[in-house]
Amino acid sequence: RHDFTYLPGTAQLRQFVEDGLLVPVGGNRDYTLKDVSFPFARPAAKLFIERLAGQYRLACGERLVVTSLTRPRSHQPRNASDRSVHPTGMALDLRRPRGTCRQWLERTLLYLEGQAVLDATAERSPPHYHVAVFPGQYAAYVERLTARAVRGNPSSPSVYTVRPGDTLWEIAQRHGTSTRALRQTNGLSSTRIYPGQALRVPE
């Protein structure tokens, strides 16, 4: 349905990383990786993790824990479903927290599932949430939220400070613009950016 390739092995995964179809996911102050074999995901899945993790940390005061990302078919566990979308890069697993943090996370995932931008499943062994992010739908959802926020606050700043793990594509998606427009506005000769860099965001 999403026209994604099921990666058979690590060679194909490396090629997808080189081609920019999968992007590195390294963690930041809002989330951490635990026992993740291949720290790469589709750009929209990474955007989902970063947005969710920021909100989770504000709500719970702790970092979100990601326990799995892209897994080629050659590295799927024996009990994995043959319909698992981990080999496509659009899936991730989140450690299940306790108490109010668990309630917050479940409510949020159910809300997003109701927006038809992802599919979330609670799994028991080990306890975690399996999340399949629908990239096109999720990117459009974030774009709508961003546009609404800009309309509601016309004096919002037009400068964005690059965070660790950001890509130019993700920044463009968040702000309802294109990588080409960002490069032209900031005089960038490539899509390479670095944490702490200030980017002017075109209207």
N, C-alpha and C. Protein backbone atom coordinates (compact mmCIF):
# COMPACT_ATOMS: atom_id res chain seq x y z
N ARG A 1 0.81 -1.21 0.00
CA ARG A 1 0.00 0.00 0.00
C ARG A 1 0.85 1.27 0.00
N HIS A 2 1.96 1.26 0.72
CA HIS A 2 2.82 2.44 0.79
C HIS A 2 3.96 2.38 -0.22
N ASP A 3 3.99 1.32 -1.04
CA ASP A 3 4.99 1.16 -2.10
C ASP A 3 6.41 1.12 -1.53
N PHE A 4 6.59 0.40 -0.41
CA PHE A 4 7.89 0.28 0.21
C PHE A 4 8.47 -1.11 -0.03
N THR A 5 9.80 -1.17 -0.08
CA THR A 5 10.52 -2.42 -0.26
C THR A 5 10.72 -3.11 1.09
N TYR A 6 10.52 -4.43 1.10
CA TYR A 6 10.88 -5.25 2.26
C TYR A 6 12.34 -5.64 2.08
N LEU A 7 13.22 -5.06 2.89
CA LEU A 7 14.66 -5.27 2.72
C LEU A 7 15.04 -6.70 3.13
N PRO A 8 15.64 -7.47 2.20
CA PRO A 8 15.97 -8.85 2.54
C PRO A 8 17.20 -8.99 3.44
N GLY A 9 18.18 -8.10 3.32
CA GLY A 9 19.40 -8.26 4.11
C GLY A 9 20.10 -6.95 4.37
N THR A 10 21.28 -7.04 5.01
CA THR A 10 22.01 -5.84 5.43
C THR A 10 22.58 -5.07 4.25
N ALA A 11 22.92 -5.73 3.16
CA ALA A 11 23.47 -5.03 2.00
C ALA A 11 22.44 -4.06 1.43
N GLN A 12 21.20 -4.53 1.34
CA GLN A 12 20.14 -3.66 0.83
C GLN A 12 19.86 -2.52 1.81
N LEU A 13 19.91 -2.82 3.12
CA LEU A 13 19.70 -1.77 4.12
C LEU A 13 20.77 -0.69 3.98
N ARG A 14 22.03 -1.09 3.83
CA ARG A 14 23.11 -0.11 3.67
C ARG A 14 22.89 0.74 2.42
N GLN A 15 22.43 0.12 1.34
CA GLN A 15 22.18 0.86 0.11
C GLN A 15 21.07 1.90 0.31
N PHE A 16 20.03 1.52 1.06
CA PHE A 16 18.93 2.45 1.32
C PHE A 16 19.41 3.63 2.17
N VAL A 17 20.34 3.36 3.10
CA VAL A 17 20.92 4.44 3.91
C VAL A 17 21.72 5.37 3.01
N GLU A 18 22.56 4.80 2.13
CA GLU A 18 23.36 5.62 1.22
C GLU A 18 22.49 6.46 0.31
N ASP A 19 21.35 5.91 -0.10
CA ASP A 19 20.44 6.63 -1.01
C ASP A 19 19.56 7.64 -0.28
N GLY A 20 19.63 7.67 1.06
CA GLY A 20 18.83 8.62 1.82
C GLY A 20 17.38 8.20 2.05
N LEU A 21 17.06 6.94 1.69
CA LEU A 21 15.70 6.45 1.91
C LEU A 21 15.48 6.07 3.37
N LEU A 22 16.56 5.72 4.05
CA LEU A 22 16.55 5.50 5.49
C LEU A 22 17.53 6.49 6.11
N VAL A 23 17.16 7.06 7.26
CA VAL A 23 18.02 8.06 7.90
C VAL A 23 18.45 7.57 9.28
N PRO A 24 19.61 8.02 9.76
CA PRO A 24 20.08 7.60 11.09
C PRO A 24 19.16 8.11 12.20
N VAL A 25 18.96 7.27 13.20
CA VAL A 25 18.19 7.63 14.39
C VAL A 25 19.12 7.39 15.58
N GLY A 26 19.57 8.48 16.23
CA GLY A 26 20.61 8.32 17.24
C GLY A 26 20.21 8.64 18.66
N GLY A 27 18.99 9.11 18.87
CA GLY A 27 18.60 9.52 20.21
C GLY A 27 18.97 10.97 20.46
N ASN A 28 18.32 11.57 21.45
CA ASN A 28 18.63 12.94 21.86
C ASN A 28 18.20 13.10 23.31
N ARG A 29 18.02 14.32 23.77
CA ARG A 29 17.67 14.51 25.20
C ARG A 29 16.27 13.99 25.53
N ASP A 30 15.44 13.75 24.49
CA ASP A 30 14.06 13.30 24.72
C ASP A 30 13.88 11.79 24.57
N TYR A 31 14.76 11.12 23.87
CA TYR A 31 14.61 9.67 23.69
C TYR A 31 15.97 9.00 23.58
N THR A 32 15.98 7.70 23.87
CA THR A 32 17.21 6.91 23.78
C THR A 32 16.90 5.59 23.09
N LEU A 33 17.93 4.98 22.54
CA LEU A 33 17.81 3.67 21.91
C LEU A 33 18.33 2.60 22.86
N LYS A 34 17.66 1.45 22.90
CA LYS A 34 18.09 0.35 23.76
C LYS A 34 18.10 -0.93 22.93
N ASP A 35 19.31 -1.50 22.74
CA ASP A 35 19.48 -2.78 22.02
C ASP A 35 18.91 -2.73 20.60
N VAL A 36 19.07 -1.58 19.93
CA VAL A 36 18.60 -1.45 18.55
C VAL A 36 19.73 -1.89 17.62
N SER A 37 19.48 -2.93 16.82
CA SER A 37 20.50 -3.49 15.94
C SER A 37 20.83 -2.57 14.77
N PHE A 38 19.81 -1.96 14.18
CA PHE A 38 20.00 -1.11 13.00
C PHE A 38 19.31 0.24 13.26
N PRO A 39 20.08 1.26 13.70
CA PRO A 39 19.47 2.54 14.09
C PRO A 39 19.14 3.43 12.90
N PHE A 40 18.23 2.95 12.05
CA PHE A 40 17.80 3.69 10.87
C PHE A 40 16.29 3.55 10.71
N ALA A 41 15.68 4.55 10.08
CA ALA A 41 14.23 4.51 9.85
C ALA A 41 13.88 5.39 8.67
N ARG A 42 12.65 5.25 8.19
CA ARG A 42 12.14 6.18 7.20
C ARG A 42 12.10 7.57 7.83
N PRO A 43 12.34 8.64 7.05
CA PRO A 43 12.34 9.99 7.63
C PRO A 43 11.08 10.32 8.42
N ALA A 44 9.91 9.89 7.94
CA ALA A 44 8.67 10.20 8.66
C ALA A 44 8.60 9.46 9.99
N ALA A 45 9.17 8.25 10.05
CA ALA A 45 9.19 7.50 11.32
C ALA A 45 10.10 8.20 12.33
N LYS A 46 11.22 8.73 11.84
CA LYS A 46 12.10 9.48 12.74
C LYS A 46 11.41 10.75 13.24
N LEU A 47 10.72 11.44 12.34
CA LEU A 47 9.98 12.63 12.73
C LEU A 47 8.95 12.30 13.81
N PHE A 48 8.25 11.17 13.63
CA PHE A 48 7.28 10.72 14.63
C PHE A 48 7.95 10.51 15.99
N ILE A 49 9.08 9.81 15.99
CA ILE A 49 9.79 9.53 17.25
C ILE A 49 10.16 10.85 17.95
N GLU A 50 10.72 11.78 17.20
CA GLU A 50 11.18 13.03 17.81
C GLU A 50 10.02 13.87 18.37
N ARG A 51 8.92 13.93 17.62
CA ARG A 51 7.77 14.70 18.10
C ARG A 51 7.15 14.03 19.33
N LEU A 52 6.95 12.71 19.25
CA LEU A 52 6.36 11.99 20.38
C LEU A 52 7.26 12.07 21.61
N ALA A 53 8.57 11.90 21.41
CA ALA A 53 9.51 11.90 22.54
C ALA A 53 9.54 13.24 23.24
N GLY A 54 9.49 14.33 22.48
CA GLY A 54 9.47 15.66 23.10
C GLY A 54 8.25 15.85 23.99
N GLN A 55 7.10 15.41 23.48
CA GLN A 55 5.87 15.52 24.26
C GLN A 55 5.89 14.58 25.46
N TYR A 56 6.42 13.38 25.26
CA TYR A 56 6.49 12.39 26.34
C TYR A 56 7.37 12.91 27.48
N ARG A 57 8.51 13.50 27.14
CA ARG A 57 9.41 14.00 28.17
C ARG A 57 8.78 15.15 28.96
N LEU A 58 8.03 16.01 28.26
CA LEU A 58 7.32 17.09 28.96
C LEU A 58 6.26 16.53 29.90
N ALA A 59 5.56 15.48 29.46
CA ALA A 59 4.48 14.90 30.25
C ALA A 59 4.99 14.05 31.40
N CYS A 60 6.10 13.35 31.19
CA CYS A 60 6.54 12.33 32.17
C CYS A 60 7.86 12.64 32.85
N GLY A 61 8.64 13.57 32.28
CA GLY A 61 9.92 13.89 32.89
C GLY A 61 10.99 12.85 32.68
N GLU A 62 10.78 11.94 31.74
CA GLU A 62 11.79 10.94 31.42
C GLU A 62 11.87 10.74 29.92
N ARG A 63 12.94 10.07 29.49
CA ARG A 63 13.13 9.87 28.06
C ARG A 63 12.34 8.64 27.57
N LEU A 64 11.82 8.75 26.37
CA LEU A 64 11.16 7.64 25.69
C LEU A 64 12.25 6.64 25.29
N VAL A 65 11.92 5.33 25.35
CA VAL A 65 12.91 4.31 24.99
C VAL A 65 12.45 3.56 23.75
N VAL A 66 13.27 3.64 22.70
CA VAL A 66 13.02 2.93 21.44
C VAL A 66 13.84 1.64 21.46
N THR A 67 13.18 0.50 21.26
CA THR A 67 13.87 -0.78 21.37
C THR A 67 14.07 -1.50 20.04
N SER A 68 13.46 -1.00 18.97
CA SER A 68 13.68 -1.61 17.66
C SER A 68 13.28 -0.63 16.57
N LEU A 69 14.00 -0.71 15.44
CA LEU A 69 13.68 0.13 14.29
C LEU A 69 13.66 -0.76 13.04
N THR A 70 14.35 -0.35 11.99
CA THR A 70 14.39 -1.15 10.77
C THR A 70 15.13 -2.46 11.03
N ARG A 71 14.54 -3.57 10.62
CA ARG A 71 15.20 -4.87 10.70
C ARG A 71 15.03 -5.56 9.35
N PRO A 72 16.12 -5.86 8.63
CA PRO A 72 15.94 -6.61 7.39
C PRO A 72 15.38 -8.00 7.69
N ARG A 73 14.80 -8.62 6.69
CA ARG A 73 14.19 -9.94 6.89
C ARG A 73 15.19 -10.96 7.43
N SER A 74 16.46 -10.82 7.06
CA SER A 74 17.49 -11.75 7.53
C SER A 74 17.72 -11.65 9.03
N HIS A 75 17.24 -10.57 9.66
CA HIS A 75 17.45 -10.36 11.10
C HIS A 75 16.15 -10.30 11.89
N GLN A 76 15.07 -10.74 11.30
CA GLN A 76 13.80 -10.78 12.03
C GLN A 76 13.85 -11.92 13.05
N PRO A 77 13.26 -11.72 14.24
CA PRO A 77 13.22 -12.83 15.22
C PRO A 77 12.34 -13.97 14.70
N ARG A 78 12.54 -15.15 15.27
CA ARG A 78 11.80 -16.34 14.79
C ARG A 78 10.30 -16.19 14.95
N ASN A 79 9.86 -15.44 15.98
CA ASN A 79 8.43 -15.32 16.22
C ASN A 79 7.80 -14.14 15.47
N ALA A 80 8.57 -13.49 14.58
CA ALA A 80 8.04 -12.33 13.85
C ALA A 80 7.00 -12.77 12.81
N SER A 81 5.98 -11.97 12.65
CA SER A 81 4.96 -12.23 11.64
C SER A 81 5.55 -12.02 10.26
N ASP A 82 5.11 -12.81 9.28
CA ASP A 82 5.59 -12.61 7.91
C ASP A 82 5.02 -11.33 7.32
N ARG A 83 4.08 -10.69 8.04
CA ARG A 83 3.52 -9.41 7.60
C ARG A 83 4.14 -8.23 8.35
N SER A 84 5.17 -8.49 9.15
CA SER A 84 5.84 -7.41 9.89
C SER A 84 6.39 -6.38 8.92
N VAL A 85 6.22 -5.09 9.27
CA VAL A 85 6.75 -4.03 8.41
C VAL A 85 8.07 -3.47 8.92
N HIS A 86 8.70 -4.11 9.90
CA HIS A 86 10.04 -3.68 10.33
C HIS A 86 11.02 -3.68 9.15
N PRO A 87 10.97 -4.66 8.23
CA PRO A 87 11.92 -4.63 7.11
C PRO A 87 11.71 -3.48 6.12
N THR A 88 10.65 -2.70 6.26
CA THR A 88 10.43 -1.57 5.36
C THR A 88 10.97 -0.26 5.92
N GLY A 89 11.26 -0.22 7.23
CA GLY A 89 11.75 1.01 7.85
C GLY A 89 10.67 1.92 8.40
N MET A 90 9.39 1.49 8.30
CA MET A 90 8.30 2.34 8.79
C MET A 90 7.81 1.93 10.17
N ALA A 91 8.46 0.93 10.79
CA ALA A 91 8.01 0.43 12.09
C ALA A 91 9.06 0.69 13.17
N LEU A 92 8.57 0.76 14.41
CA LEU A 92 9.45 0.90 15.56
C LEU A 92 8.77 0.28 16.77
N ASP A 93 9.57 -0.06 17.75
CA ASP A 93 9.05 -0.58 19.01
C ASP A 93 9.43 0.39 20.13
N LEU A 94 8.49 0.60 21.05
CA LEU A 94 8.70 1.48 22.21
C LEU A 94 8.55 0.67 23.49
N ARG A 95 9.48 0.85 24.41
CA ARG A 95 9.37 0.17 25.70
C ARG A 95 8.12 0.66 26.42
N ARG A 96 7.42 -0.26 27.07
CA ARG A 96 6.21 0.10 27.79
C ARG A 96 6.58 0.64 29.17
N PRO A 97 6.25 1.91 29.45
CA PRO A 97 6.55 2.46 30.77
C PRO A 97 5.50 2.03 31.79
N ARG A 98 5.60 2.56 33.01
CA ARG A 98 4.64 2.21 34.07
C ARG A 98 3.83 3.43 34.48
N GLY A 99 2.74 3.15 35.17
CA GLY A 99 1.94 4.19 35.81
C GLY A 99 1.36 5.22 34.86
N THR A 100 1.45 6.48 35.26
CA THR A 100 0.83 7.55 34.48
C THR A 100 1.51 7.74 33.13
N CYS A 101 2.80 7.42 33.04
CA CYS A 101 3.50 7.54 31.76
C CYS A 101 2.95 6.52 30.77
N ARG A 102 2.64 5.35 31.25
CA ARG A 102 2.03 4.33 30.38
C ARG A 102 0.66 4.81 29.90
N GLN A 103 -0.13 5.35 30.81
CA GLN A 103 -1.46 5.85 30.43
C GLN A 103 -1.35 6.97 29.39
N TRP A 104 -0.40 7.89 29.60
CA TRP A 104 -0.21 8.99 28.66
C TRP A 104 0.16 8.45 27.28
N LEU A 105 1.12 7.51 27.26
CA LEU A 105 1.59 6.98 25.98
C LEU A 105 0.48 6.23 25.25
N GLU A 106 -0.28 5.42 25.98
CA GLU A 106 -1.36 4.66 25.35
C GLU A 106 -2.45 5.60 24.80
N ARG A 107 -2.80 6.62 25.57
CA ARG A 107 -3.81 7.59 25.09
C ARG A 107 -3.33 8.29 23.83
N THR A 108 -2.06 8.68 23.83
CA THR A 108 -1.51 9.39 22.68
C THR A 108 -1.46 8.50 21.44
N LEU A 109 -1.01 7.26 21.60
CA LEU A 109 -0.97 6.34 20.46
C LEU A 109 -2.37 6.05 19.93
N LEU A 110 -3.33 5.88 20.84
CA LEU A 110 -4.71 5.65 20.41
C LEU A 110 -5.27 6.86 19.67
N TYR A 111 -4.94 8.05 20.15
CA TYR A 111 -5.40 9.26 19.46
C TYR A 111 -4.83 9.31 18.05
N LEU A 112 -3.53 9.07 17.91
CA LEU A 112 -2.90 9.12 16.59
C LEU A 112 -3.42 8.01 15.68
N GLU A 113 -3.72 6.86 16.26
CA GLU A 113 -4.31 5.78 15.48
C GLU A 113 -5.68 6.24 14.96
N GLY A 114 -6.42 6.97 15.78
CA GLY A 114 -7.71 7.51 15.36
C GLY A 114 -7.59 8.54 14.26
N GLN A 115 -6.43 9.17 14.14
CA GLN A 115 -6.18 10.13 13.05
C GLN A 115 -5.72 9.41 11.77
N ALA A 116 -5.63 8.08 11.82
CA ALA A 116 -5.24 7.24 10.67
C ALA A 116 -3.83 7.55 10.17
N VAL A 117 -2.91 7.86 11.11
CA VAL A 117 -1.53 8.14 10.71
C VAL A 117 -0.56 7.04 11.16
N LEU A 118 -1.07 6.08 11.94
CA LEU A 118 -0.24 4.98 12.40
C LEU A 118 -1.13 3.83 12.86
N ASP A 119 -0.48 2.69 13.10
CA ASP A 119 -1.14 1.53 13.69
C ASP A 119 -0.29 1.11 14.89
N ALA A 120 -0.89 1.02 16.07
CA ALA A 120 -0.15 0.67 17.28
C ALA A 120 -0.71 -0.60 17.90
N THR A 121 0.19 -1.46 18.36
CA THR A 121 -0.21 -2.72 18.98
C THR A 121 0.57 -2.90 20.28
N ALA A 122 -0.13 -3.26 21.36
CA ALA A 122 0.54 -3.59 22.63
C ALA A 122 0.95 -5.05 22.57
N GLU A 123 2.23 -5.32 22.76
CA GLU A 123 2.74 -6.70 22.74
C GLU A 123 3.32 -7.03 24.11
N ARG A 124 3.32 -8.34 24.44
CA ARG A 124 3.61 -8.74 25.81
C ARG A 124 5.01 -9.26 26.06
N SER A 125 5.67 -9.83 25.08
CA SER A 125 6.92 -10.53 25.38
C SER A 125 8.05 -10.09 24.45
N PRO A 126 8.88 -9.13 24.89
CA PRO A 126 8.80 -8.34 26.12
C PRO A 126 7.72 -7.26 26.00
N PRO A 127 7.32 -6.64 27.11
CA PRO A 127 6.25 -5.64 27.07
C PRO A 127 6.69 -4.40 26.27
N HIS A 128 6.01 -4.14 25.17
CA HIS A 128 6.34 -2.97 24.35
C HIS A 128 5.17 -2.63 23.44
N TYR A 129 5.29 -1.48 22.78
CA TYR A 129 4.31 -1.07 21.78
C TYR A 129 4.97 -1.15 20.41
N HIS A 130 4.33 -1.87 19.51
CA HIS A 130 4.79 -1.92 18.13
C HIS A 130 4.01 -0.85 17.37
N VAL A 131 4.73 0.04 16.69
CA VAL A 131 4.08 1.16 15.98
C VAL A 131 4.51 1.14 14.52
N ALA A 132 3.54 1.10 13.63
CA ALA A 132 3.80 1.25 12.20
C ALA A 132 3.32 2.63 11.79
N VAL A 133 4.26 3.48 11.38
CA VAL A 133 3.94 4.85 11.00
C VAL A 133 3.62 4.86 9.50
N PHE A 134 2.49 5.47 9.14
CA PHE A 134 2.12 5.61 7.73
C PHE A 134 2.75 6.92 7.24
N PRO A 135 3.88 6.84 6.54
CA PRO A 135 4.69 8.04 6.27
C PRO A 135 3.96 9.18 5.57
N GLY A 136 3.27 8.91 4.49
CA GLY A 136 2.58 9.99 3.79
C GLY A 136 1.52 10.65 4.64
N GLN A 137 0.73 9.83 5.31
CA GLN A 137 -0.35 10.35 6.15
C GLN A 137 0.20 11.12 7.35
N TYR A 138 1.28 10.59 7.96
CA TYR A 138 1.84 11.26 9.13
C TYR A 138 2.46 12.61 8.75
N ALA A 139 3.20 12.65 7.63
CA ALA A 139 3.82 13.90 7.20
C ALA A 139 2.74 14.95 6.91
N ALA A 140 1.63 14.53 6.29
CA ALA A 140 0.53 15.47 5.99
C ALA A 140 -0.11 15.96 7.28
N TYR A 141 -0.25 15.07 8.26
CA TYR A 141 -0.82 15.43 9.57
C TYR A 141 0.04 16.49 10.26
N VAL A 142 1.36 16.29 10.27
CA VAL A 142 2.28 17.24 10.90
C VAL A 142 2.24 18.57 10.15
N GLU A 143 2.15 18.51 8.84
CA GLU A 143 2.08 19.74 8.04
C GLU A 143 0.83 20.54 8.40
N ARG A 144 -0.29 19.84 8.59
CA ARG A 144 -1.53 20.54 8.97
C ARG A 144 -1.37 21.19 10.35
N LEU A 145 -0.78 20.47 11.30
CA LEU A 145 -0.57 21.04 12.64
C LEU A 145 0.34 22.25 12.58
N THR A 146 1.41 22.15 11.79
CA THR A 146 2.36 23.25 11.68
C THR A 146 1.71 24.48 11.06
N ALA A 147 0.93 24.27 10.00
CA ALA A 147 0.25 25.39 9.35
C ALA A 147 -0.73 26.06 10.31
N ARG A 148 -1.43 25.26 11.11
CA ARG A 148 -2.39 25.80 12.07
C ARG A 148 -1.67 26.62 13.14
N ALA A 149 -0.50 26.12 13.59
CA ALA A 149 0.26 26.83 14.62
C ALA A 149 0.77 28.16 14.08
N VAL A 150 1.22 28.19 12.83
CA VAL A 150 1.73 29.43 12.24
C VAL A 150 0.59 30.44 12.08
N ARG A 151 -0.59 29.97 11.61
CA ARG A 151 -1.74 30.87 11.47
C ARG A 151 -2.16 31.45 12.82
N GLY A 152 -2.09 30.62 13.87
CA GLY A 152 -2.51 31.07 15.20
C GLY A 152 -1.50 31.98 15.86
N ASN A 153 -0.25 32.00 15.34
CA ASN A 153 0.80 32.82 15.94
C ASN A 153 1.62 33.46 14.82
N PRO A 154 1.10 34.48 14.18
CA PRO A 154 1.79 35.06 13.03
C PRO A 154 3.14 35.66 13.37
N SER A 155 3.40 35.94 14.65
CA SER A 155 4.70 36.50 15.01
C SER A 155 5.69 35.41 15.39
N SER A 156 5.36 34.13 15.08
CA SER A 156 6.27 33.05 15.42
C SER A 156 7.60 33.22 14.70
N PRO A 157 8.72 32.82 15.32
CA PRO A 157 10.04 33.07 14.74
C PRO A 157 10.21 32.32 13.43
N SER A 158 10.98 32.93 12.50
CA SER A 158 11.23 32.30 11.22
C SER A 158 12.64 31.74 11.16
N VAL A 159 13.25 31.58 12.34
CA VAL A 159 14.59 30.98 12.41
C VAL A 159 14.49 29.68 13.19
N TYR A 160 15.08 28.61 12.64
CA TYR A 160 15.06 27.31 13.31
C TYR A 160 16.49 26.91 13.63
N THR A 161 16.72 26.44 14.87
CA THR A 161 18.03 25.95 15.27
C THR A 161 18.08 24.44 15.12
N VAL A 162 19.02 23.97 14.33
CA VAL A 162 19.14 22.54 14.03
C VAL A 162 19.47 21.76 15.29
N ARG A 163 18.73 20.65 15.50
CA ARG A 163 18.98 19.77 16.64
C ARG A 163 19.72 18.52 16.18
N PRO A 164 20.40 17.81 17.09
CA PRO A 164 21.07 16.57 16.70
C PRO A 164 20.08 15.59 16.06
N GLY A 165 20.48 15.02 14.94
CA GLY A 165 19.63 14.05 14.26
C GLY A 165 18.70 14.64 13.23
N ASP A 166 18.59 15.98 13.18
CA ASP A 166 17.73 16.62 12.18
C ASP A 166 18.25 16.39 10.77
N THR A 167 17.35 16.32 9.81
CA THR A 167 17.72 16.36 8.40
C THR A 167 16.98 17.53 7.77
N LEU A 168 17.51 18.01 6.66
CA LEU A 168 16.88 19.15 6.00
C LEU A 168 15.46 18.80 5.55
N TRP A 169 15.26 17.54 5.12
CA TRP A 169 13.94 17.10 4.68
C TRP A 169 12.94 17.19 5.82
N GLU A 170 13.34 16.73 7.01
CA GLU A 170 12.42 16.75 8.16
C GLU A 170 12.08 18.18 8.57
N ILE A 171 13.08 19.07 8.55
CA ILE A 171 12.83 20.47 8.91
C ILE A 171 11.84 21.08 7.92
N ALA A 172 12.03 20.78 6.64
CA ALA A 172 11.12 21.28 5.61
C ALA A 172 9.70 20.77 5.86
N GLN A 173 9.57 19.47 6.19
CA GLN A 173 8.25 18.88 6.44
C GLN A 173 7.57 19.54 7.63
N ARG A 174 8.33 19.78 8.69
CA ARG A 174 7.76 20.39 9.89
C ARG A 174 7.26 21.80 9.64
N HIS A 175 7.91 22.51 8.71
CA HIS A 175 7.58 23.92 8.51
C HIS A 175 6.80 24.17 7.22
N GLY A 176 6.35 23.11 6.60
CA GLY A 176 5.51 23.27 5.42
C GLY A 176 6.23 23.91 4.24
N THR A 177 7.52 23.58 4.08
CA THR A 177 8.29 24.12 2.95
C THR A 177 9.03 22.97 2.28
N SER A 178 9.99 23.27 1.43
CA SER A 178 10.73 22.23 0.71
C SER A 178 12.22 22.35 1.01
N THR A 179 12.94 21.26 0.79
CA THR A 179 14.40 21.31 1.00
C THR A 179 15.04 22.31 0.03
N ARG A 180 14.50 22.38 -1.18
CA ARG A 180 15.03 23.33 -2.16
C ARG A 180 14.89 24.77 -1.67
N ALA A 181 13.70 25.09 -1.13
CA ALA A 181 13.48 26.45 -0.62
C ALA A 181 14.40 26.75 0.56
N LEU A 182 14.60 25.77 1.45
CA LEU A 182 15.50 25.97 2.59
C LEU A 182 16.93 26.21 2.11
N ARG A 183 17.37 25.42 1.13
CA ARG A 183 18.74 25.58 0.62
C ARG A 183 18.91 26.95 -0.02
N GLN A 184 17.93 27.40 -0.82
CA GLN A 184 18.03 28.69 -1.48
C GLN A 184 18.03 29.84 -0.47
N THR A 185 17.14 29.75 0.53
CA THR A 185 17.02 30.83 1.52
C THR A 185 18.29 30.96 2.35
N ASN A 186 18.96 29.83 2.62
CA ASN A 186 20.13 29.84 3.50
C ASN A 186 21.45 29.73 2.75
N GLY A 187 21.41 29.73 1.41
CA GLY A 187 22.64 29.65 0.61
C GLY A 187 23.41 28.37 0.82
N LEU A 188 22.69 27.26 0.99
CA LEU A 188 23.34 25.96 1.22
C LEU A 188 23.68 25.31 -0.12
N SER A 189 24.89 24.79 -0.24
CA SER A 189 25.30 24.12 -1.48
C SER A 189 24.94 22.65 -1.48
N SER A 190 24.56 22.12 -0.30
CA SER A 190 24.15 20.72 -0.19
C SER A 190 23.09 20.61 0.89
N THR A 191 22.64 19.38 1.18
CA THR A 191 21.64 19.18 2.23
C THR A 191 22.29 18.94 3.59
N ARG A 192 23.61 19.04 3.66
CA ARG A 192 24.31 18.78 4.92
C ARG A 192 24.11 19.94 5.89
N ILE A 193 23.68 19.60 7.11
CA ILE A 193 23.49 20.59 8.17
C ILE A 193 24.13 20.06 9.45
N TYR A 194 24.25 20.90 10.48
CA TYR A 194 24.89 20.48 11.72
C TYR A 194 24.14 21.05 12.92
N PRO A 195 24.17 20.32 14.06
CA PRO A 195 23.47 20.80 15.27
C PRO A 195 23.95 22.18 15.68
N GLY A 196 23.00 23.03 16.06
CA GLY A 196 23.31 24.39 16.46
C GLY A 196 23.22 25.40 15.33
N GLN A 197 23.17 24.92 14.09
CA GLN A 197 23.08 25.81 12.94
C GLN A 197 21.73 26.52 12.91
N ALA A 198 21.72 27.80 12.64
CA ALA A 198 20.48 28.58 12.55
C ALA A 198 20.05 28.63 11.09
N LEU A 199 18.84 28.18 10.82
CA LEU A 199 18.31 28.21 9.46
C LEU A 199 17.13 29.16 9.39
N ARG A 200 17.13 30.03 8.40
CA ARG A 200 15.97 30.89 8.15
C ARG A 200 14.94 30.07 7.40
N VAL A 201 13.71 30.06 7.88
CA VAL A 201 12.63 29.27 7.28
C VAL A 201 11.79 30.19 6.42
N PRO A 202 11.70 29.91 5.11
CA PRO A 202 10.89 30.79 4.25
C PRO A 202 9.41 30.68 4.58
N GLU A 203 8.67 31.77 4.39
CA GLU A 203 7.24 31.77 4.66
C GLU A 203 6.53 30.92 3.61
